[in-house]
Amino acid sequence: MSAIEVAGLVKRYGDFEAVRGVDLTIEEGEVFALLGPNGAGKTTTVEIMEGHRHATAGTVSVLGHDPAKAERSFKDRIGIVLQEGSVEDELTVREAINIHGGAYSRRRNTDELVEIVGLETKANARVGTLSGGQKRRLELAMGIVGEPDLIFLDEPTTGFDPSARREAWSAIDNLRALGKTILLTTHYMDEAQNLSDRVAVMADGRIVAAGTPESIGGREHATTRISFRRPGDVSMPFAARVEGDMVVVEAAAPTVDVHRITSWALEQGLELEELSVSRPSLEDIYLALTEDQ
């Protein structure tokens, strides 16, 4: 069963069309990343799913509900973690969770939540003493205190240092293990790559590509890039181009081409400095898909 089904979604503000016929399906239990540059329409799309905005046209079903009706039974089943959280610094971690949990008709045990997000040693610490990564973990706990089936995560690690980002990723993986459906928006391609089962890219109000991080935009069929520093003014018996002082070979059969290149280098007594073999990254595909916007 699908957690979210969107068909022909349109949102207009006067003459401006922010969302232009979006179709999207998110399955129960998956982590889905919605990517796109600023102004692509992804925030508007997510806010319609959350019930904070009304669609101009199209249909939206979230956990079997029309979010525009803002029914209590719907709100009880979703959790929202905003990019900019706001928790009183003087509260303890446990107090913040308890207060937030009071808004829900059902709720998870506070000690269990503290364990899920990895804040056991900080349960009685004041919020103002927490690191950025620890605060994000607390916000995740508050987002799931009502036992939601679906969690909206908006830019969960913006501004984090690498250590704090890894902490947040660990907490999100714990939510995945609980069987929660997660809709994630992020500008970090490595985050989408590491956390998501599937991704979709929005540009200019439309979904321009969707698939797994490995396959989106035909990534799995893209040629492999073999590059190395040009070893002097020598003739190369294979098709290549020169970019500055680097030689680049676009390889459809990378194993064969790497063997051919290294065999040639050994025969010539050459050391191929900075030799690398790489496929287009998710970021490369994303930039290609959104370059016009």
Foldseek 3Di string as FASTA:
>chain_A
DWQKFWFQFWADDVPRTQAGTETDTHHFLFEEEEEEDPSLNPVVVVCQQCLNDPTPDTAMAGNNDRSVVVDLVVNLQEFEQEPDDDDDQAAFLLRRLVVLLVVHPAFDDSCVLCVLLVNNVRRGPGNNPDDPLVNLSSSVSSRCGSVHQEYEAEASQPPHDPVSVVSNLSSLVSVSVVRHYYYYYHHDQVSCLPRGQKYFYGGNNYTQWIDGQCQIPNQVQFWKKKKFFAQPPDDDPDDWDDDPRMIIDGHNPVVVVVVRVVVVCVVVVHDGHPIDIGGDGSVNSNCVSHVVD
